Each structure stands twice: as structure tokens, then as C-alpha cells.
Amino acid sequence: MCAVLANSSPETDPKGARKLGRASLGVSIAGIVITVIIIAIIVSLRSAADCPYRHYGTCYKYRLYVGYSGYCSGVKSDSYCYYH
């Protein structure tokens, strides 16, 4: 009968562990950066969809052509009346 003794201490590779640690950190940071970029794109697309008309930086949902001398209860500019 032949008996084999197993070594109970685990084999370690400090250099390999450091490489894996750095790779894991890099992948985590890349994931966070990509997530922030995607959220920024979604927010900008959403705000653009919610604001069909901009006039001097202010968002208006409605724009009505009233002509040069037409009545406007909102903000009038260039023959258009802008409403929220």
C-alpha cells in the first residue's frame, strides 16, 4: 500500500494576487465611469424630450405663432408666444 501525504498549506502567489487585485480595481473603476456616462446621457436625452422649445435658456412646452401684433399671455418673441 502506498500513502501520499498532502500538503495542507495553500500555495500562494503574491505577484499574481497583486495583478488580480489591480485588474479587479481597474474593472470596478471602469464600470463606475461607464455607469456615470450612461446616466448623464439618459438625463440629457430625457430633459431634451421634456423641453421641446427653448427661449433664452428657459424651457417652454408650447409655442404658438401669433404674428407680429398678436396677443400673447406668455412670453412673446419673433411672432411666437411661448407657454409653460
Protein backbone atom coordinates (compact mmCIF):
# COMPACT_ATOMS: atom_id res chain seq x y z
CA MET A 1 0.00 0.00 0.00
CA CYS A 2 1.23 3.46 -0.91
CA ALA A 3 0.27 6.52 1.08
CA VAL A 4 0.65 10.06 -0.17
CA LEU A 5 0.77 12.93 2.26
CA ALA A 6 -0.97 16.07 1.11
CA ASN A 7 0.50 19.42 1.91
CA SER A 8 -2.08 21.28 3.98
CA SER A 9 -0.62 24.74 3.40
CA PRO A 10 -2.09 26.55 0.37
CA GLU A 11 0.15 27.60 -2.45
CA THR A 12 0.35 31.37 -2.71
CA ASP A 13 1.44 33.67 -5.49
CA PRO A 14 1.81 37.22 -4.14
CA LYS A 15 2.67 38.70 -7.55
CA GLY A 16 -0.31 37.02 -9.19
CA ALA A 17 -2.59 38.14 -6.36
CA ARG A 18 -1.43 41.75 -6.78
CA LYS A 19 -2.07 41.57 -10.53
CA LEU A 20 -5.57 40.23 -9.98
CA GLY A 21 -6.22 42.90 -7.35
CA ARG A 22 -5.14 45.67 -9.71
CA ALA A 23 -7.19 44.20 -12.55
CA SER A 24 -10.24 43.97 -10.29
CA LEU A 25 -9.82 47.59 -9.18
CA GLY A 26 -9.44 48.72 -12.80
CA VAL A 27 -12.57 46.88 -13.90
CA SER A 28 -14.52 48.33 -10.97
CA ILE A 29 -13.43 51.89 -11.74
CA ALA A 30 -14.20 51.43 -15.45
CA GLY A 31 -17.67 50.15 -14.54
CA ILE A 32 -18.34 53.17 -12.35
CA VAL A 33 -17.16 55.59 -15.06
CA ILE A 34 -19.28 53.89 -17.73
CA THR A 35 -22.32 53.95 -15.43
CA VAL A 36 -21.90 57.69 -14.76
CA ILE A 37 -21.58 58.39 -18.50
CA ILE A 38 -24.71 56.36 -19.31
CA ILE A 39 -26.71 58.13 -16.59
CA ALA A 40 -25.57 61.53 -17.91
CA ILE A 41 -26.64 60.59 -21.44
CA ILE A 42 -30.05 59.36 -20.26
CA VAL A 43 -30.66 62.51 -18.19
CA SER A 44 -29.69 64.80 -21.08
CA LEU A 45 -31.92 62.92 -23.53
CA ARG A 46 -34.79 62.99 -21.08
CA SER A 47 -34.52 66.71 -20.42
CA ALA A 48 -34.36 67.38 -24.16
CA ALA A 49 -37.55 65.38 -24.68
CA ASP A 50 -39.32 67.24 -21.86
CA CYS A 51 -38.36 70.60 -23.35
CA PRO A 52 -39.49 70.94 -26.94
CA TYR A 53 -38.91 74.74 -27.05
CA ARG A 54 -36.13 76.80 -25.52
CA HIS A 55 -36.07 80.57 -25.49
CA TYR A 56 -33.12 82.35 -23.86
CA GLY A 57 -32.31 79.25 -21.83
CA THR A 58 -35.81 78.80 -20.43
CA CYS A 59 -37.81 75.70 -21.25
CA TYR A 60 -41.33 76.01 -22.69
CA LYS A 61 -43.69 73.18 -23.55
CA TYR A 62 -45.81 75.13 -26.03
CA ARG A 63 -45.12 77.63 -28.80
CA LEU A 64 -47.86 79.38 -30.76
CA TYR A 65 -47.46 81.59 -33.80
CA VAL A 66 -49.33 84.84 -33.04
CA GLY A 67 -47.80 87.12 -35.66
CA TYR A 68 -46.13 90.46 -35.18
CA SER A 69 -49.01 92.23 -33.40
CA GLY A 70 -50.93 89.25 -31.99
CA TYR A 71 -51.90 88.91 -28.33
CA CYS A 72 -49.73 86.75 -26.09
CA SER A 73 -50.29 85.97 -22.41
CA GLY A 74 -46.97 84.12 -22.21
CA VAL A 75 -43.55 85.23 -23.44
CA LYS A 76 -43.59 86.74 -26.91
CA SER A 77 -40.61 86.74 -29.22
CA ASP A 78 -40.26 86.81 -33.00
CA SER A 79 -44.03 86.46 -33.63
CA TYR A 80 -44.22 83.41 -31.37
CA CYS A 81 -45.77 83.09 -27.94
CA TYR A 82 -44.14 80.67 -25.51
CA TYR A 83 -46.03 78.95 -22.66
CA HIS A 84 -45.04 76.60 -19.85
